[in-house]
Amino acid sequence: MPGEITRTRRLAKATDALEEFLSGVQALGPKLGLLLIQLPPSLSFDIRVTEPFFAALRHDYAGQVVCEPRHPSWFTEETENFLRATRVARAAVDPAITPEAACPGGWSGLGYYRLHGSPRMYYSSYDEGYLDKLAEELAASARARPTWCIFDNTALGAATANALGLMGRLRAVS
């Protein structure tokens, strides 16, 4: 989702920008996989803002949606219930800002993992042990629902090697 919606407007009064974005991406038809709503770290959960935004989103878009919140206030039972009710999955991320952030949450119909590199975001490569564990977790998730894994540790090129290593492991465990 564009930064105009998530960072500039911070989900508030974004109906026109949302409609414009959706009209553009829906032209992809069956090639459109899912929508990622990556929120800025300073955006706390506020039902007065999030409820109208997600209602407008769901009014105009029935496809798969995942939210990557980065403020601790999004990791509560209230927000989990809200995301489930709106059929929005919550991304599992690394590094995680809370223990809950390391696991997929929200709507259970979609699994989404977004790995930024750890300990140094965007730079660090994942070691063999981490990729082994991740492959097992992703294989189990994929047996129950559509599951995505995105490596965002691209600054030194680690994402490609990690993705290829994970793919080989997934073939072995599937």
N, C-alpha and C. Protein backbone atom coordinates (compact mmCIF):
# COMPACT_ATOMS: atom_id res chain seq x y z
N MET A 1 0.84 -1.16 0.00
CA MET A 1 0.00 0.00 0.00
C MET A 1 0.90 1.23 0.00
N PRO A 2 0.54 2.23 -0.74
CA PRO A 2 1.40 3.41 -0.87
C PRO A 2 1.63 4.15 0.45
N GLY A 3 2.81 4.76 0.56
CA GLY A 3 3.15 5.57 1.72
C GLY A 3 2.22 6.75 1.90
N GLU A 4 1.61 7.22 0.83
CA GLU A 4 0.63 8.31 0.95
C GLU A 4 -0.48 7.92 1.92
N ILE A 5 -0.89 6.66 1.88
CA ILE A 5 -1.96 6.16 2.74
C ILE A 5 -1.44 5.82 4.14
N THR A 6 -0.31 5.10 4.20
CA THR A 6 0.17 4.58 5.48
C THR A 6 1.02 5.56 6.26
N ARG A 7 1.87 6.32 5.58
CA ARG A 7 2.80 7.19 6.29
C ARG A 7 2.35 8.65 6.32
N THR A 8 1.88 9.16 5.20
CA THR A 8 1.48 10.56 5.15
C THR A 8 0.13 10.77 5.83
N ARG A 9 -0.88 10.01 5.39
CA ARG A 9 -2.21 10.18 5.98
C ARG A 9 -2.42 9.32 7.23
N ARG A 10 -1.54 8.32 7.42
CA ARG A 10 -1.58 7.46 8.60
C ARG A 10 -2.96 6.81 8.76
N LEU A 11 -3.53 6.37 7.63
CA LEU A 11 -4.82 5.69 7.50
C LEU A 11 -6.02 6.61 7.69
N ALA A 12 -5.81 7.85 8.09
CA ALA A 12 -6.91 8.77 8.35
C ALA A 12 -7.26 9.57 7.09
N LYS A 13 -8.55 9.70 6.85
CA LYS A 13 -9.03 10.48 5.70
C LYS A 13 -8.32 10.06 4.41
N ALA A 14 -8.23 8.75 4.23
CA ALA A 14 -7.50 8.22 3.09
C ALA A 14 -8.40 7.55 2.06
N THR A 15 -9.70 7.75 2.15
CA THR A 15 -10.63 7.04 1.27
C THR A 15 -10.35 7.30 -0.20
N ASP A 16 -10.09 8.55 -0.57
CA ASP A 16 -9.83 8.85 -1.98
C ASP A 16 -8.54 8.20 -2.46
N ALA A 17 -7.49 8.25 -1.66
CA ALA A 17 -6.22 7.62 -2.03
C ALA A 17 -6.36 6.10 -2.09
N LEU A 18 -7.15 5.55 -1.17
CA LEU A 18 -7.38 4.10 -1.16
C LEU A 18 -8.13 3.68 -2.42
N GLU A 19 -9.18 4.41 -2.78
CA GLU A 19 -9.94 4.08 -3.99
C GLU A 19 -9.05 4.15 -5.23
N GLU A 20 -8.21 5.17 -5.32
CA GLU A 20 -7.31 5.31 -6.46
C GLU A 20 -6.33 4.14 -6.53
N PHE A 21 -5.74 3.78 -5.38
CA PHE A 21 -4.81 2.66 -5.32
C PHE A 21 -5.49 1.36 -5.72
N LEU A 22 -6.66 1.09 -5.15
CA LEU A 22 -7.36 -0.17 -5.45
C LEU A 22 -7.77 -0.26 -6.91
N SER A 23 -8.18 0.85 -7.50
CA SER A 23 -8.57 0.79 -8.91
C SER A 23 -7.36 0.43 -9.77
N GLY A 24 -6.18 0.87 -9.37
CA GLY A 24 -4.98 0.54 -10.12
C GLY A 24 -4.56 -0.91 -9.96
N VAL A 25 -4.51 -1.40 -8.72
CA VAL A 25 -4.02 -2.77 -8.51
C VAL A 25 -5.03 -3.81 -8.94
N GLN A 26 -6.31 -3.50 -8.89
CA GLN A 26 -7.29 -4.50 -9.30
C GLN A 26 -7.21 -4.80 -10.79
N ALA A 27 -6.55 -3.92 -11.54
CA ALA A 27 -6.34 -4.20 -12.97
C ALA A 27 -5.42 -5.41 -13.16
N LEU A 28 -4.69 -5.80 -12.12
CA LEU A 28 -3.84 -7.00 -12.20
C LEU A 28 -4.66 -8.28 -12.24
N GLY A 29 -5.91 -8.21 -11.83
CA GLY A 29 -6.78 -9.39 -11.86
C GLY A 29 -6.20 -10.53 -11.04
N PRO A 30 -6.16 -11.74 -11.60
CA PRO A 30 -5.69 -12.91 -10.85
C PRO A 30 -4.20 -12.87 -10.52
N LYS A 31 -3.46 -11.95 -11.11
CA LYS A 31 -2.03 -11.85 -10.81
C LYS A 31 -1.77 -11.09 -9.51
N LEU A 32 -2.79 -10.46 -8.96
CA LEU A 32 -2.65 -9.75 -7.70
C LEU A 32 -2.66 -10.76 -6.56
N GLY A 33 -1.55 -10.86 -5.85
CA GLY A 33 -1.44 -11.86 -4.78
C GLY A 33 -2.14 -11.42 -3.50
N LEU A 34 -1.67 -10.36 -2.91
CA LEU A 34 -2.25 -9.84 -1.67
C LEU A 34 -1.83 -8.39 -1.53
N LEU A 35 -2.45 -7.71 -0.59
CA LEU A 35 -2.08 -6.33 -0.28
C LEU A 35 -1.35 -6.32 1.06
N LEU A 36 -0.21 -5.64 1.10
CA LEU A 36 0.54 -5.46 2.34
C LEU A 36 0.36 -4.03 2.81
N ILE A 37 -0.07 -3.90 4.06
CA ILE A 37 -0.19 -2.60 4.70
C ILE A 37 0.93 -2.52 5.73
N GLN A 38 2.05 -1.90 5.35
CA GLN A 38 3.17 -1.75 6.27
C GLN A 38 3.04 -0.39 6.95
N LEU A 39 2.87 -0.43 8.25
CA LEU A 39 2.62 0.80 9.00
C LEU A 39 3.91 1.37 9.59
N PRO A 40 3.98 2.69 9.74
CA PRO A 40 5.17 3.28 10.34
C PRO A 40 5.28 2.92 11.83
N PRO A 41 6.50 2.86 12.35
CA PRO A 41 6.68 2.49 13.76
C PRO A 41 5.97 3.42 14.75
N SER A 42 5.70 4.64 14.35
CA SER A 42 5.06 5.60 15.25
C SER A 42 3.53 5.53 15.23
N LEU A 43 2.95 4.70 14.36
CA LEU A 43 1.49 4.66 14.24
C LEU A 43 0.90 3.66 15.23
N SER A 44 0.34 4.18 16.30
CA SER A 44 -0.29 3.32 17.30
C SER A 44 -1.69 2.93 16.86
N PHE A 45 -2.20 1.86 17.47
CA PHE A 45 -3.54 1.39 17.15
C PHE A 45 -4.55 2.36 17.75
N ASP A 46 -5.42 2.89 16.91
CA ASP A 46 -6.50 3.79 17.33
C ASP A 46 -7.75 3.35 16.58
N ILE A 47 -8.68 2.75 17.29
CA ILE A 47 -9.88 2.20 16.66
C ILE A 47 -10.65 3.27 15.89
N ARG A 48 -10.57 4.52 16.33
CA ARG A 48 -11.29 5.61 15.64
C ARG A 48 -10.74 5.87 14.24
N VAL A 49 -9.49 5.49 14.02
CA VAL A 49 -8.85 5.66 12.71
C VAL A 49 -8.88 4.34 11.93
N THR A 50 -8.50 3.26 12.60
CA THR A 50 -8.37 1.99 11.89
C THR A 50 -9.71 1.42 11.45
N GLU A 51 -10.73 1.57 12.27
CA GLU A 51 -12.02 0.98 11.89
C GLU A 51 -12.57 1.57 10.59
N PRO A 52 -12.63 2.90 10.43
CA PRO A 52 -13.13 3.44 9.15
C PRO A 52 -12.23 3.07 7.97
N PHE A 53 -10.92 3.05 8.18
CA PHE A 53 -10.03 2.71 7.08
C PHE A 53 -10.25 1.27 6.63
N PHE A 54 -10.24 0.33 7.57
CA PHE A 54 -10.40 -1.08 7.19
C PHE A 54 -11.81 -1.36 6.68
N ALA A 55 -12.81 -0.64 7.16
CA ALA A 55 -14.17 -0.80 6.62
C ALA A 55 -14.21 -0.37 5.15
N ALA A 56 -13.56 0.76 4.84
CA ALA A 56 -13.51 1.22 3.45
C ALA A 56 -12.72 0.24 2.59
N LEU A 57 -11.62 -0.26 3.12
CA LEU A 57 -10.82 -1.24 2.38
C LEU A 57 -11.65 -2.48 2.07
N ARG A 58 -12.32 -3.01 3.07
CA ARG A 58 -13.09 -4.23 2.88
C ARG A 58 -14.35 -4.00 2.04
N HIS A 59 -14.86 -2.80 2.02
CA HIS A 59 -16.01 -2.49 1.16
C HIS A 59 -15.63 -2.61 -0.31
N ASP A 60 -14.39 -2.19 -0.62
CA ASP A 60 -13.94 -2.14 -2.01
C ASP A 60 -13.02 -3.28 -2.43
N TYR A 61 -12.55 -4.08 -1.47
CA TYR A 61 -11.58 -5.11 -1.81
C TYR A 61 -11.82 -6.35 -0.95
N ALA A 62 -12.08 -7.48 -1.62
CA ALA A 62 -12.37 -8.73 -0.90
C ALA A 62 -11.17 -9.67 -0.85
N GLY A 63 -10.07 -9.32 -1.49
CA GLY A 63 -8.91 -10.20 -1.55
C GLY A 63 -8.14 -10.28 -0.25
N GLN A 64 -7.00 -10.96 -0.33
CA GLN A 64 -6.17 -11.17 0.85
C GLN A 64 -5.41 -9.90 1.23
N VAL A 65 -5.39 -9.63 2.53
CA VAL A 65 -4.73 -8.44 3.06
C VAL A 65 -3.91 -8.85 4.27
N VAL A 66 -2.70 -8.31 4.35
CA VAL A 66 -1.85 -8.52 5.53
C VAL A 66 -1.37 -7.17 6.01
N CYS A 67 -1.32 -7.03 7.32
CA CYS A 67 -0.88 -5.79 7.95
C CYS A 67 0.43 -6.05 8.69
N GLU A 68 1.39 -5.17 8.50
CA GLU A 68 2.65 -5.24 9.23
C GLU A 68 2.74 -4.02 10.15
N PRO A 69 2.12 -4.14 11.34
CA PRO A 69 2.23 -3.03 12.30
C PRO A 69 3.60 -3.03 12.95
N ARG A 70 4.07 -1.86 13.32
CA ARG A 70 5.39 -1.76 13.93
C ARG A 70 5.38 -0.94 15.21
N HIS A 71 4.19 -0.81 15.79
CA HIS A 71 4.06 -0.13 17.09
C HIS A 71 3.53 -1.15 18.08
N PRO A 72 4.06 -1.21 19.31
CA PRO A 72 3.65 -2.23 20.28
C PRO A 72 2.15 -2.26 20.58
N SER A 73 1.45 -1.16 20.40
CA SER A 73 0.01 -1.12 20.71
C SER A 73 -0.82 -2.02 19.80
N TRP A 74 -0.26 -2.49 18.71
CA TRP A 74 -0.98 -3.37 17.79
C TRP A 74 -0.95 -4.83 18.23
N PHE A 75 -0.27 -5.15 19.30
CA PHE A 75 -0.10 -6.53 19.72
C PHE A 75 -0.86 -6.80 21.01
N THR A 76 -2.18 -6.63 20.91
CA THR A 76 -3.08 -6.85 22.04
C THR A 76 -4.23 -7.75 21.57
N GLU A 77 -4.98 -8.24 22.51
CA GLU A 77 -6.14 -9.06 22.17
C GLU A 77 -7.17 -8.23 21.38
N GLU A 78 -7.32 -6.95 21.74
CA GLU A 78 -8.26 -6.08 21.01
C GLU A 78 -7.89 -5.98 19.54
N THR A 79 -6.62 -5.76 19.24
CA THR A 79 -6.23 -5.63 17.84
C THR A 79 -6.31 -6.96 17.11
N GLU A 80 -5.97 -8.05 17.80
CA GLU A 80 -6.09 -9.37 17.17
C GLU A 80 -7.55 -9.64 16.79
N ASN A 81 -8.46 -9.33 17.69
CA ASN A 81 -9.89 -9.52 17.40
C ASN A 81 -10.34 -8.62 16.26
N PHE A 82 -9.86 -7.40 16.25
CA PHE A 82 -10.20 -6.46 15.17
C PHE A 82 -9.72 -6.99 13.82
N LEU A 83 -8.47 -7.44 13.76
CA LEU A 83 -7.93 -7.96 12.51
C LEU A 83 -8.67 -9.21 12.05
N ARG A 84 -9.00 -10.09 12.99
CA ARG A 84 -9.77 -11.29 12.63
C ARG A 84 -11.13 -10.90 12.04
N ALA A 85 -11.79 -9.95 12.68
CA ALA A 85 -13.13 -9.53 12.24
C ALA A 85 -13.10 -8.90 10.85
N THR A 86 -12.00 -8.27 10.49
CA THR A 86 -11.90 -7.61 9.19
C THR A 86 -11.19 -8.49 8.15
N ARG A 87 -10.87 -9.74 8.53
CA ARG A 87 -10.19 -10.68 7.64
C ARG A 87 -8.86 -10.12 7.14
N VAL A 88 -8.06 -9.61 8.08
CA VAL A 88 -6.74 -9.09 7.79
C VAL A 88 -5.74 -9.88 8.62
N ALA A 89 -4.78 -10.50 7.95
CA ALA A 89 -3.73 -11.23 8.64
C ALA A 89 -2.70 -10.22 9.18
N ARG A 90 -2.00 -10.62 10.24
CA ARG A 90 -0.90 -9.81 10.75
C ARG A 90 0.40 -10.54 10.42
N ALA A 91 1.34 -9.81 9.86
CA ALA A 91 2.61 -10.39 9.46
C ALA A 91 3.42 -10.83 10.67
N ALA A 92 4.13 -11.95 10.51
CA ALA A 92 5.18 -12.33 11.44
C ALA A 92 6.44 -11.65 10.93
N VAL A 93 7.17 -10.99 11.81
CA VAL A 93 8.34 -10.23 11.36
C VAL A 93 9.58 -10.58 12.17
N ASP A 94 10.71 -10.36 11.54
CA ASP A 94 11.99 -10.44 12.23
C ASP A 94 12.83 -9.28 11.73
N PRO A 95 13.42 -8.51 12.66
CA PRO A 95 13.32 -8.66 14.10
C PRO A 95 11.95 -8.22 14.60
N ALA A 96 11.53 -8.88 15.67
CA ALA A 96 10.21 -8.64 16.25
C ALA A 96 10.30 -7.60 17.37
N ILE A 97 9.37 -6.66 17.37
CA ILE A 97 9.38 -5.63 18.42
C ILE A 97 8.74 -6.13 19.71
N THR A 98 7.94 -7.18 19.61
CA THR A 98 7.36 -7.86 20.77
C THR A 98 7.41 -9.35 20.47
N PRO A 99 7.32 -10.21 21.47
CA PRO A 99 7.30 -11.64 21.18
C PRO A 99 6.17 -12.04 20.23
N GLU A 100 5.01 -11.38 20.34
CA GLU A 100 3.87 -11.69 19.48
C GLU A 100 4.15 -11.35 18.02
N ALA A 101 4.98 -10.37 17.78
CA ALA A 101 5.27 -9.93 16.41
C ALA A 101 6.04 -10.98 15.62
N ALA A 102 6.65 -11.94 16.29
CA ALA A 102 7.42 -12.98 15.61
C ALA A 102 6.53 -14.06 15.00
N CYS A 103 5.26 -14.07 15.35
CA CYS A 103 4.32 -15.10 14.87
C CYS A 103 3.20 -14.45 14.08
N PRO A 104 2.71 -15.15 13.05
CA PRO A 104 1.56 -14.60 12.33
C PRO A 104 0.37 -14.44 13.27
N GLY A 105 -0.44 -13.44 13.00
CA GLY A 105 -1.61 -13.21 13.85
C GLY A 105 -2.77 -12.67 13.03
N GLY A 106 -3.74 -12.13 13.74
CA GLY A 106 -4.93 -11.62 13.07
C GLY A 106 -5.72 -12.75 12.44
N TRP A 107 -6.22 -12.51 11.23
CA TRP A 107 -7.02 -13.49 10.50
C TRP A 107 -6.17 -14.71 10.19
N SER A 108 -6.67 -15.88 10.47
CA SER A 108 -5.88 -17.12 10.33
C SER A 108 -5.93 -17.72 8.93
N GLY A 109 -6.58 -17.08 7.99
CA GLY A 109 -6.68 -17.62 6.64
C GLY A 109 -5.47 -17.35 5.76
N LEU A 110 -4.46 -16.70 6.31
CA LEU A 110 -3.28 -16.33 5.54
C LEU A 110 -2.08 -16.30 6.48
N GLY A 111 -0.97 -16.86 6.05
CA GLY A 111 0.29 -16.76 6.80
C GLY A 111 1.26 -15.90 6.02
N TYR A 112 1.88 -14.96 6.69
CA TYR A 112 2.79 -14.04 6.01
C TYR A 112 3.98 -13.76 6.92
N TYR A 113 5.17 -13.98 6.39
CA TYR A 113 6.41 -13.78 7.13
C TYR A 113 7.24 -12.75 6.38
N ARG A 114 7.71 -11.73 7.08
CA ARG A 114 8.51 -10.68 6.47
C ARG A 114 9.80 -10.55 7.29
N LEU A 115 10.90 -10.94 6.69
CA LEU A 115 12.16 -11.07 7.41
C LEU A 115 13.14 -10.00 6.95
N HIS A 116 13.46 -9.09 7.85
CA HIS A 116 14.26 -7.91 7.52
C HIS A 116 15.75 -8.08 7.79
N GLY A 117 16.15 -9.22 8.33
CA GLY A 117 17.55 -9.43 8.69
C GLY A 117 17.75 -9.15 10.16
N SER A 118 18.51 -10.02 10.80
CA SER A 118 18.72 -9.88 12.23
C SER A 118 20.10 -10.44 12.57
N PRO A 119 20.89 -9.77 13.34
CA PRO A 119 20.56 -8.66 14.23
C PRO A 119 20.53 -7.28 13.55
N ARG A 120 21.21 -7.11 12.40
CA ARG A 120 21.22 -5.80 11.74
C ARG A 120 20.19 -5.78 10.62
N MET A 121 19.12 -5.00 10.84
CA MET A 121 18.04 -4.93 9.84
C MET A 121 18.58 -4.57 8.47
N TYR A 122 18.05 -5.26 7.48
CA TYR A 122 18.33 -5.07 6.06
C TYR A 122 19.71 -5.58 5.62
N TYR A 123 20.60 -5.86 6.56
CA TYR A 123 21.96 -6.27 6.23
C TYR A 123 22.26 -7.73 6.58
N SER A 124 21.80 -8.18 7.73
CA SER A 124 22.20 -9.49 8.23
C SER A 124 21.58 -10.63 7.43
N SER A 125 22.38 -11.67 7.24
CA SER A 125 21.92 -12.90 6.62
C SER A 125 21.43 -13.83 7.73
N TYR A 126 20.50 -14.71 7.39
CA TYR A 126 20.01 -15.70 8.35
C TYR A 126 20.89 -16.94 8.29
N ASP A 127 21.18 -17.51 9.46
CA ASP A 127 22.05 -18.69 9.49
C ASP A 127 21.28 -19.96 9.17
N GLU A 128 22.02 -21.04 8.99
CA GLU A 128 21.45 -22.33 8.58
C GLU A 128 20.38 -22.82 9.57
N GLY A 129 20.65 -22.69 10.85
CA GLY A 129 19.70 -23.15 11.87
C GLY A 129 18.38 -22.41 11.79
N TYR A 130 18.46 -21.11 11.59
CA TYR A 130 17.24 -20.31 11.47
C TYR A 130 16.44 -20.75 10.25
N LEU A 131 17.12 -20.93 9.12
CA LEU A 131 16.42 -21.33 7.90
C LEU A 131 15.82 -22.73 8.03
N ASP A 132 16.51 -23.63 8.74
CA ASP A 132 15.94 -24.97 8.97
C ASP A 132 14.63 -24.88 9.75
N LYS A 133 14.65 -24.11 10.83
CA LYS A 133 13.45 -23.94 11.67
C LYS A 133 12.33 -23.25 10.87
N LEU A 134 12.70 -22.23 10.12
CA LEU A 134 11.72 -21.49 9.32
C LEU A 134 11.07 -22.39 8.28
N ALA A 135 11.84 -23.25 7.64
CA ALA A 135 11.28 -24.16 6.64
C ALA A 135 10.23 -25.06 7.26
N GLU A 136 10.50 -25.59 8.43
CA GLU A 136 9.51 -26.44 9.13
C GLU A 136 8.24 -25.66 9.44
N GLU A 137 8.42 -24.44 9.94
CA GLU A 137 7.26 -23.60 10.29
C GLU A 137 6.44 -23.24 9.05
N LEU A 138 7.11 -22.86 7.98
CA LEU A 138 6.40 -22.49 6.75
C LEU A 138 5.68 -23.68 6.13
N ALA A 139 6.31 -24.84 6.15
CA ALA A 139 5.68 -26.03 5.59
C ALA A 139 4.41 -26.37 6.37
N ALA A 140 4.46 -26.27 7.69
CA ALA A 140 3.28 -26.53 8.50
C ALA A 140 2.19 -25.50 8.21
N SER A 141 2.57 -24.24 8.10
CA SER A 141 1.61 -23.19 7.81
C SER A 141 0.96 -23.41 6.44
N ALA A 142 1.77 -23.76 5.45
CA ALA A 142 1.27 -23.93 4.08
C ALA A 142 0.32 -25.10 3.94
N ARG A 143 0.38 -26.06 4.86
CA ARG A 143 -0.58 -27.16 4.81
C ARG A 143 -1.98 -26.69 5.22
N ALA A 144 -2.06 -25.57 5.93
CA ALA A 144 -3.34 -25.10 6.45
C ALA A 144 -3.90 -23.88 5.71
N ARG A 145 -3.05 -23.15 5.00
CA ARG A 145 -3.49 -21.87 4.41
C ARG A 145 -2.44 -21.37 3.44
N PRO A 146 -2.82 -20.42 2.58
CA PRO A 146 -1.80 -19.79 1.74
C PRO A 146 -0.76 -19.13 2.64
N THR A 147 0.52 -19.30 2.30
CA THR A 147 1.60 -18.79 3.14
C THR A 147 2.65 -18.12 2.27
N TRP A 148 3.07 -16.95 2.70
CA TRP A 148 4.07 -16.17 1.99
C TRP A 148 5.27 -15.96 2.91
N CYS A 149 6.46 -15.85 2.32
CA CYS A 149 7.66 -15.48 3.06
C CYS A 149 8.46 -14.52 2.20
N ILE A 150 8.74 -13.35 2.73
CA ILE A 150 9.45 -12.31 2.02
C ILE A 150 10.74 -11.98 2.79
N PHE A 151 11.86 -12.05 2.13
CA PHE A 151 13.12 -11.62 2.73
C PHE A 151 13.39 -10.18 2.30
N ASP A 152 13.62 -9.31 3.27
CA ASP A 152 13.86 -7.90 3.01
C ASP A 152 15.26 -7.50 3.51
N ASN A 153 16.15 -8.48 3.62
CA ASN A 153 17.53 -8.20 4.03
C ASN A 153 18.39 -8.05 2.78
N THR A 154 18.09 -6.98 2.05
CA THR A 154 18.62 -6.81 0.70
C THR A 154 19.86 -5.93 0.61
N ALA A 155 20.24 -5.21 1.66
CA ALA A 155 21.31 -4.21 1.56
C ALA A 155 22.63 -4.80 1.09
N LEU A 156 22.95 -6.02 1.51
CA LEU A 156 24.17 -6.67 1.07
C LEU A 156 23.89 -7.92 0.24
N GLY A 157 22.66 -8.06 -0.24
CA GLY A 157 22.31 -9.18 -1.10
C GLY A 157 21.97 -10.47 -0.39
N ALA A 158 21.78 -10.45 0.91
CA ALA A 158 21.50 -11.68 1.65
C ALA A 158 20.14 -12.28 1.32
N ALA A 159 19.20 -11.47 0.89
CA ALA A 159 17.83 -11.95 0.65
C ALA A 159 17.81 -13.06 -0.40
N THR A 160 18.53 -12.90 -1.47
CA THR A 160 18.52 -13.91 -2.53
C THR A 160 19.07 -15.24 -2.04
N ALA A 161 20.21 -15.21 -1.38
CA ALA A 161 20.81 -16.44 -0.86
C ALA A 161 19.90 -17.09 0.18
N ASN A 162 19.32 -16.29 1.06
CA ASN A 162 18.41 -16.83 2.07
C ASN A 162 17.18 -17.45 1.43
N ALA A 163 16.60 -16.78 0.43
CA ALA A 163 15.41 -17.31 -0.24
C ALA A 163 15.72 -18.61 -0.96
N LEU A 164 16.84 -18.67 -1.65
CA LEU A 164 17.21 -19.91 -2.35
C LEU A 164 17.48 -21.04 -1.36
N GLY A 165 18.15 -20.72 -0.25
CA GLY A 165 18.39 -21.72 0.78
C GLY A 165 17.09 -22.22 1.39
N LEU A 166 16.15 -21.32 1.61
CA LEU A 166 14.85 -21.70 2.16
C LEU A 166 14.08 -22.57 1.17
N MET A 167 14.11 -22.22 -0.09
CA MET A 167 13.40 -23.00 -1.10
C MET A 167 13.89 -24.46 -1.12
N GLY A 168 15.20 -24.64 -1.07
CA GLY A 168 15.75 -26.00 -1.02
C GLY A 168 15.28 -26.76 0.21
N ARG A 169 15.24 -26.10 1.33
CA ARG A 169 14.78 -26.73 2.57
C ARG A 169 13.29 -27.08 2.47
N LEU A 170 12.51 -26.19 1.89
CA LEU A 170 11.08 -26.44 1.76
C LEU A 170 10.80 -27.66 0.87
N ARG A 171 11.57 -27.81 -0.18
CA ARG A 171 11.42 -29.00 -1.03
C ARG A 171 11.70 -30.27 -0.22
N ALA A 172 12.66 -30.19 0.68
CA ALA A 172 13.04 -31.35 1.48
C ALA A 172 12.01 -31.72 2.54
N VAL A 173 11.29 -30.72 3.09
CA VAL A 173 10.34 -30.99 4.16
C VAL A 173 8.90 -31.15 3.67
N SER A 174 8.66 -30.79 2.43
CA SER A 174 7.27 -30.86 1.91
C SER A 174 6.93 -32.23 1.40
